Each structure stands twice: as structure tokens, then as C-alpha cells.
Amino acid sequence: SSLHKKLECNSRQPDRWNPFGYEIC
């Protein structure tokens, strides 16, 4: 995936598997 700006709801930075970042739920 292409990297995009991290979403405000996510604390983890974007990577090639999670292009908008990710969060522990």
C-alpha cells in the first residue's frame, strides 16, 4: 500500500499493511 497521512483516531504510524495507521482496540 501507498502511505497516507495518519488518521487522528490512530496512534500507530502508517505502514505498507496499514496505510492510514492503526490502533489497538
PDB file of all heavy atoms in Angstrom:
ATOM      1  N   SER A   1       0.826  -1.204   0.000  1.00  0.00           N
ATOM      2  CA  SER A   1       0.000   0.000   0.000  1.00  0.00           C
ATOM      3  C   SER A   1       0.860   1.253   0.000  1.00  0.00           C
ATOM      4  O   SER A   1       1.966   1.275   0.563  1.00  0.00           O
ATOM      5  CB  SER A   1      -0.909   0.017   1.234  1.00  0.00           C
ATOM      6  OG  SER A   1      -1.824  -1.054   1.203  1.00  0.00           O
ATOM      7  N   SER A   2       0.350   2.311  -0.604  1.00  0.00           N
ATOM      8  CA  SER A   2       0.998   3.623  -0.524  1.00  0.00           C
ATOM      9  C   SER A   2       0.678   4.239   0.836  1.00  0.00           C
ATOM     10  O   SER A   2      -0.441   4.088   1.346  1.00  0.00           O
ATOM     11  CB  SER A   2       0.491   4.540  -1.640  1.00  0.00           C
ATOM     12  OG  SER A   2       0.797   4.001  -2.905  1.00  0.00           O
ATOM     13  N   LEU A   3       1.643   4.939   1.424  1.00  0.00           N
ATOM     14  CA  LEU A   3       1.439   5.524   2.745  1.00  0.00           C
ATOM     15  C   LEU A   3       0.656   6.826   2.643  1.00  0.00           C
ATOM     16  O   LEU A   3       0.864   7.629   1.733  1.00  0.00           O
ATOM     17  CB  LEU A   3       2.783   5.774   3.429  1.00  0.00           C
ATOM     18  CG  LEU A   3       3.687   4.550   3.623  1.00  0.00           C
ATOM     19  CD1 LEU A   3       4.897   4.923   4.482  1.00  0.00           C
ATOM     20  CD2 LEU A   3       2.936   3.394   4.262  1.00  0.00           C
ATOM     21  N   HIS A   4      -0.256   7.023   3.604  1.00  0.00           N
ATOM     22  CA  HIS A   4      -1.054   8.245   3.666  1.00  0.00           C
ATOM     23  C   HIS A   4      -0.871   8.893   5.035  1.00  0.00           C
ATOM     24  O   HIS A   4      -0.221   8.341   5.921  1.00  0.00           O
ATOM     25  CB  HIS A   4      -2.533   7.921   3.427  1.00  0.00           C
ATOM     26  CG  HIS A   4      -2.818   7.337   2.083  1.00  0.00           C
ATOM     27  ND1 HIS A   4      -2.997   8.103   0.963  1.00  0.00           N
ATOM     28  CD2 HIS A   4      -2.937   6.040   1.679  1.00  0.00           C
ATOM     29  CE1 HIS A   4      -3.225   7.327  -0.083  1.00  0.00           C
ATOM     30  NE2 HIS A   4      -3.190   6.059   0.330  1.00  0.00           N
ATOM     31  N   LYS A   5      -1.470  10.044   5.205  1.00  0.00           N
ATOM     32  CA  LYS A   5      -1.408  10.733   6.494  1.00  0.00           C
ATOM     33  C   LYS A   5      -2.126   9.900   7.553  1.00  0.00           C
ATOM     34  O   LYS A   5      -3.198   9.344   7.315  1.00  0.00           O
ATOM     35  CB  LYS A   5      -2.071  12.107   6.379  1.00  0.00           C
ATOM     36  CG  LYS A   5      -2.014  12.922   7.668  1.00  0.00           C
ATOM     37  CD  LYS A   5      -2.685  14.276   7.479  1.00  0.00           C
ATOM     38  CE  LYS A   5      -2.654  15.078   8.785  1.00  0.00           C
ATOM     39  NZ  LYS A   5      -3.328  16.384   8.633  1.00  0.00           N
ATOM     40  N   LYS A   6      -1.532   9.808   8.727  1.00  0.00           N
ATOM     41  CA  LYS A   6      -2.122   9.023   9.820  1.00  0.00           C
ATOM     42  C   LYS A   6      -3.453   9.636  10.245  1.00  0.00           C
ATOM     43  O   LYS A   6      -3.565  10.855  10.422  1.00  0.00           O
ATOM     44  CB  LYS A   6      -1.167   8.961  11.012  1.00  0.00           C
ATOM     45  CG  LYS A   6      -1.702   8.173  12.207  1.00  0.00           C
ATOM     46  CD  LYS A   6      -0.658   8.042  13.301  1.00  0.00           C
ATOM     47  CE  LYS A   6      -0.397   9.360  13.999  1.00  0.00           C
ATOM     48  NZ  LYS A   6      -1.584   9.819  14.782  1.00  0.00           N
ATOM     49  N   LEU A   7      -4.463   8.788  10.425  1.00  0.00           N
ATOM     50  CA  LEU A   7      -5.747   9.255  10.921  1.00  0.00           C
ATOM     51  C   LEU A   7      -5.626   9.682  12.381  1.00  0.00           C
ATOM     52  O   LEU A   7      -4.852   9.091  13.153  1.00  0.00           O
ATOM     53  CB  LEU A   7      -6.797   8.150  10.804  1.00  0.00           C
ATOM     54  CG  LEU A   7      -7.103   7.622   9.397  1.00  0.00           C
ATOM     55  CD1 LEU A   7      -8.112   6.483   9.481  1.00  0.00           C
ATOM     56  CD2 LEU A   7      -7.620   8.735   8.510  1.00  0.00           C
ATOM     57  N   GLU A   8      -6.402  10.669  12.780  1.00  0.00           N
ATOM     58  CA  GLU A   8      -6.349  11.165  14.163  1.00  0.00           C
ATOM     59  C   GLU A   8      -6.754  10.101  15.170  1.00  0.00           C
ATOM     60  O   GLU A   8      -6.301  10.114  16.317  1.00  0.00           O
ATOM     61  CB  GLU A   8      -7.244  12.393  14.312  1.00  0.00           C
ATOM     62  CG  GLU A   8      -6.716  13.636  13.600  1.00  0.00           C
ATOM     63  CD  GLU A   8      -7.580  14.849  13.862  1.00  0.00           C
ATOM     64  OE1 GLU A   8      -8.551  14.723  14.655  1.00  0.00           O
ATOM     65  OE2 GLU A   8      -7.300  15.920  13.283  1.00  0.00           O
ATOM     66  N   CYS A   9      -7.603   9.170  14.750  1.00  0.00           N
ATOM     67  CA  CYS A   9      -8.069   8.122  15.673  1.00  0.00           C
ATOM     68  C   CYS A   9      -7.018   7.045  15.904  1.00  0.00           C
ATOM     69  O   CYS A   9      -7.187   6.191  16.779  1.00  0.00           O
ATOM     70  CB  CYS A   9      -9.359   7.494  15.157  1.00  0.00           C
ATOM     71  SG  CYS A   9      -9.201   6.737  13.519  1.00  0.00           S
ATOM     72  N   ASN A  10      -5.940   7.064  15.138  1.00  0.00           N
ATOM     73  CA  ASN A  10      -4.890   6.047  15.262  1.00  0.00           C
ATOM     74  C   ASN A  10      -3.671   6.613  15.971  1.00  0.00           C
ATOM     75  O   ASN A  10      -3.282   7.761  15.725  1.00  0.00           O
ATOM     76  CB  ASN A  10      -4.471   5.534  13.877  1.00  0.00           C
ATOM     77  CG  ASN A  10      -5.562   4.753  13.192  1.00  0.00           C
ATOM     78  OD1 ASN A  10      -6.395   4.133  13.853  1.00  0.00           O
ATOM     79  ND2 ASN A  10      -5.586   4.784  11.866  1.00  0.00           N
ATOM     80  N   SER A  11      -3.053   5.801  16.809  1.00  0.00           N
ATOM     81  CA  SER A  11      -1.807   6.217  17.466  1.00  0.00           C
ATOM     82  C   SER A  11      -0.583   5.596  16.795  1.00  0.00           C
ATOM     83  O   SER A  11       0.531   6.073  16.988  1.00  0.00           O
ATOM     84  CB  SER A  11      -1.832   5.823  18.947  1.00  0.00           C
ATOM     85  OG  SER A  11      -1.887   4.413  19.091  1.00  0.00           O
ATOM     86  N   ARG A  12      -0.788   4.519  16.014  1.00  0.00           N
ATOM     87  CA  ARG A  12       0.328   3.844  15.358  1.00  0.00           C
ATOM     88  C   ARG A  12       0.514   4.403  13.948  1.00  0.00           C
ATOM     89  O   ARG A  12      -0.454   4.648  13.230  1.00  0.00           O
ATOM     90  CB  ARG A  12       0.080   2.334  15.298  1.00  0.00           C
ATOM     91  CG  ARG A  12      -0.308   1.719  16.657  1.00  0.00           C
ATOM     92  CD  ARG A  12       0.747   1.947  17.715  1.00  0.00           C
ATOM     93  NE  ARG A  12       0.340   1.457  19.009  1.00  0.00           N
ATOM     94  CZ  ARG A  12       0.619   0.249  19.477  1.00  0.00           C
ATOM     95  NH1 ARG A  12       1.295  -0.607  18.726  1.00  0.00           N
ATOM     96  NH2 ARG A  12       0.220  -0.122  20.677  1.00  0.00           N
ATOM     97  N   GLN A  13       1.765   4.549  13.564  1.00  0.00           N
ATOM     98  CA  GLN A  13       2.095   5.172  12.290  1.00  0.00           C
ATOM     99  C   GLN A  13       1.724   4.285  11.091  1.00  0.00           C
ATOM    100  O   GLN A  13       1.700   3.060  11.206  1.00  0.00           O
ATOM    101  CB  GLN A  13       3.591   5.487  12.236  1.00  0.00           C
ATOM    102  CG  GLN A  13       4.033   6.584  13.200  1.00  0.00           C
ATOM    103  CD  GLN A  13       3.358   7.911  12.906  1.00  0.00           C
ATOM    104  OE1 GLN A  13       3.186   8.294  11.750  1.00  0.00           O
ATOM    105  NE2 GLN A  13       3.001   8.634  13.962  1.00  0.00           N
ATOM    106  N   PRO A  14       1.448   4.905   9.939  1.00  0.00           N
ATOM    107  CA  PRO A  14       1.139   4.130   8.730  1.00  0.00           C
ATOM    108  C   PRO A  14       2.300   3.240   8.314  1.00  0.00           C
ATOM    109  O   PRO A  14       3.470   3.564   8.530  1.00  0.00           O
ATOM    110  CB  PRO A  14       0.892   5.226   7.675  1.00  0.00           C
ATOM    111  CG  PRO A  14       0.511   6.441   8.456  1.00  0.00           C
ATOM    112  CD  PRO A  14       1.314   6.356   9.723  1.00  0.00           C
ATOM    113  N   ASP A  15       1.965   2.095   7.720  1.00  0.00           N
ATOM    114  CA  ASP A  15       2.963   1.229   7.109  1.00  0.00           C
ATOM    115  C   ASP A  15       2.338   0.623   5.855  1.00  0.00           C
ATOM    116  O   ASP A  15       1.203   0.951   5.496  1.00  0.00           O
ATOM    117  CB  ASP A  15       3.460   0.147   8.078  1.00  0.00           C
ATOM    118  CG  ASP A  15       2.328  -0.707   8.649  1.00  0.00           C
ATOM    119  OD1 ASP A  15       1.399  -1.040   7.886  1.00  0.00           O
ATOM    120  OD2 ASP A  15       2.370  -1.044   9.841  1.00  0.00           O
ATOM    121  N   ARG A  16       3.078  -0.225   5.175  1.00  0.00           N
ATOM    122  CA  ARG A  16       2.606  -0.758   3.895  1.00  0.00           C
ATOM    123  C   ARG A  16       1.415  -1.697   4.046  1.00  0.00           C
ATOM    124  O   ARG A  16       0.743  -2.017   3.064  1.00  0.00           O
ATOM    125  CB  ARG A  16       3.752  -1.506   3.196  1.00  0.00           C
ATOM    126  CG  ARG A  16       4.950  -0.628   2.868  1.00  0.00           C
ATOM    127  CD  ARG A  16       4.597   0.463   1.869  1.00  0.00           C
ATOM    128  NE  ARG A  16       5.766   1.280   1.533  1.00  0.00           N
ATOM    129  CZ  ARG A  16       5.718   2.344   0.751  1.00  0.00           C
ATOM    130  NH1 ARG A  16       4.566   2.741   0.227  1.00  0.00           N
ATOM    131  NH2 ARG A  16       6.814   3.035   0.483  1.00  0.00           N
ATOM    132  N   TRP A  17       1.143  -2.147   5.254  1.00  0.00           N
ATOM    133  CA  TRP A  17      -0.005  -3.020   5.506  1.00  0.00           C
ATOM    134  C   TRP A  17      -1.188  -2.233   6.072  1.00  0.00           C
ATOM    135  O   TRP A  17      -2.324  -2.667   5.976  1.00  0.00           O
ATOM    136  CB  TRP A  17       0.384  -4.130   6.484  1.00  0.00           C
ATOM    137  CG  TRP A  17       1.330  -5.116   5.890  1.00  0.00           C
ATOM    138  CD1 TRP A  17       1.014  -6.288   5.245  1.00  0.00           C
ATOM    139  CD2 TRP A  17       2.760  -5.009   5.846  1.00  0.00           C
ATOM    140  NE1 TRP A  17       2.146  -6.916   4.811  1.00  0.00           N
ATOM    141  CE2 TRP A  17       3.251  -6.163   5.165  1.00  0.00           C
ATOM    142  CE3 TRP A  17       3.673  -4.074   6.303  1.00  0.00           C
ATOM    143  CZ2 TRP A  17       4.601  -6.382   4.952  1.00  0.00           C
ATOM    144  CZ3 TRP A  17       5.033  -4.291   6.074  1.00  0.00           C
ATOM    145  CH2 TRP A  17       5.480  -5.431   5.414  1.00  0.00           C
ATOM    146  N   ASN A  18      -0.883  -1.098   6.679  1.00  0.00           N
ATOM    147  CA  ASN A  18      -1.910  -0.240   7.275  1.00  0.00           C
ATOM    148  C   ASN A  18      -1.641   1.200   6.838  1.00  0.00           C
ATOM    149  O   ASN A  18      -1.005   1.975   7.574  1.00  0.00           O
ATOM    150  CB  ASN A  18      -1.870  -0.356   8.801  1.00  0.00           C
ATOM    151  CG  ASN A  18      -2.023  -1.786   9.276  1.00  0.00           C
ATOM    152  OD1 ASN A  18      -3.118  -2.339   9.254  1.00  0.00           O
ATOM    153  ND2 ASN A  18      -0.929  -2.408   9.680  1.00  0.00           N
ATOM    154  N   PRO A  19      -2.085   1.562   5.647  1.00  0.00           N
ATOM    155  CA  PRO A  19      -1.657   2.824   5.030  1.00  0.00           C
ATOM    156  C   PRO A  19      -2.101   4.093   5.745  1.00  0.00           C
ATOM    157  O   PRO A  19      -1.545   5.160   5.502  1.00  0.00           O
ATOM    158  CB  PRO A  19      -2.272   2.747   3.626  1.00  0.00           C
ATOM    159  CG  PRO A  19      -3.393   1.762   3.733  1.00  0.00           C
ATOM    160  CD  PRO A  19      -2.946   0.772   4.755  1.00  0.00           C
ATOM    161  N   PHE A  20      -3.085   3.990   6.652  1.00  0.00           N
ATOM    162  CA  PHE A  20      -3.539   5.162   7.396  1.00  0.00           C
ATOM    163  C   PHE A  20      -3.205   5.049   8.888  1.00  0.00           C
ATOM    164  O   PHE A  20      -3.741   5.765   9.713  1.00  0.00           O
ATOM    165  CB  PHE A  20      -5.051   5.344   7.222  1.00  0.00           C
ATOM    166  CG  PHE A  20      -5.475   5.553   5.798  1.00  0.00           C
ATOM    167  CD1 PHE A  20      -5.885   4.472   5.022  1.00  0.00           C
ATOM    168  CD2 PHE A  20      -5.457   6.816   5.220  1.00  0.00           C
ATOM    169  CE1 PHE A  20      -6.274   4.642   3.701  1.00  0.00           C
ATOM    170  CE2 PHE A  20      -5.845   7.002   3.900  1.00  0.00           C
ATOM    171  CZ  PHE A  20      -6.241   5.921   3.142  1.00  0.00           C
ATOM    172  N   GLY A  21      -2.317   4.122   9.229  1.00  0.00           N
ATOM    173  CA  GLY A  21      -2.006   3.852  10.631  1.00  0.00           C
ATOM    174  C   GLY A  21      -2.969   2.833  11.215  1.00  0.00           C
ATOM    175  O   GLY A  21      -3.848   2.314  10.526  1.00  0.00           O
ATOM    176  N   TYR A  22      -2.806   2.549  12.491  1.00  0.00           N
ATOM    177  CA  TYR A  22      -3.710   1.587  13.131  1.00  0.00           C
ATOM    178  C   TYR A  22      -3.764   1.843  14.623  1.00  0.00           C
ATOM    179  O   TYR A  22      -2.987   2.629  15.172  1.00  0.00           O
ATOM    180  CB  TYR A  22      -3.297   0.153  12.834  1.00  0.00           C
ATOM    181  CG  TYR A  22      -1.945  -0.277  13.384  1.00  0.00           C
ATOM    182  CD1 TYR A  22      -1.852  -1.015  14.561  1.00  0.00           C
ATOM    183  CD2 TYR A  22      -0.772   0.044  12.712  1.00  0.00           C
ATOM    184  CE1 TYR A  22      -0.624  -1.430  15.049  1.00  0.00           C
ATOM    185  CE2 TYR A  22       0.458  -0.361  13.198  1.00  0.00           C
ATOM    186  CZ  TYR A  22       0.532  -1.092  14.365  1.00  0.00           C
ATOM    187  OH  TYR A  22       1.754  -1.488  14.853  1.00  0.00           O
ATOM    188  N   GLU A  23      -4.706   1.168  15.292  1.00  0.00           N
ATOM    189  CA  GLU A  23      -4.910   1.373  16.724  1.00  0.00           C
ATOM    190  C   GLU A  23      -5.250   0.054  17.392  1.00  0.00           C
ATOM    191  O   GLU A  23      -5.905  -0.812  16.794  1.00  0.00           O
ATOM    192  CB  GLU A  23      -6.051   2.379  16.948  1.00  0.00           C
ATOM    193  CG  GLU A  23      -6.245   2.791  18.400  1.00  0.00           C
ATOM    194  CD  GLU A  23      -4.988   3.375  19.016  1.00  0.00           C
ATOM    195  OE1 GLU A  23      -4.709   4.569  18.841  1.00  0.00           O
ATOM    196  OE2 GLU A  23      -4.272   2.593  19.675  1.00  0.00           O
ATOM    197  N   ILE A  24      -4.790  -0.122  18.634  1.00  0.00           N
ATOM    198  CA  ILE A  24      -5.168  -1.293  19.430  1.00  0.00           C
ATOM    199  C   ILE A  24      -6.584  -1.076  19.942  1.00  0.00           C
ATOM    200  O   ILE A  24      -6.881  -0.052  20.548  1.00  0.00           O
ATOM    201  CB  ILE A  24      -4.205  -1.487  20.613  1.00  0.00           C
ATOM    202  CG1 ILE A  24      -2.763  -1.668  20.128  1.00  0.00           C
ATOM    203  CG2 ILE A  24      -4.649  -2.679  21.454  1.00  0.00           C
ATOM    204  CD1 ILE A  24      -2.545  -2.871  19.232  1.00  0.00           C
ATOM    205  N   CYS A  25      -7.463  -2.046  19.675  1.00  0.00           N
ATOM    206  CA  CYS A  25      -8.850  -1.891  20.115  1.00  0.00           C
ATOM    207  C   CYS A  25      -9.242  -2.872  21.214  1.00  0.00           C
ATOM    208  O   CYS A  25     -10.233  -2.661  21.915  1.00  0.00           O
ATOM    209  CB  CYS A  25      -9.799  -2.025  18.928  1.00  0.00           C
ATOM    210  SG  CYS A  25      -9.717  -3.611  18.058  1.00  0.00           S
TER     211      CYS A  25
END
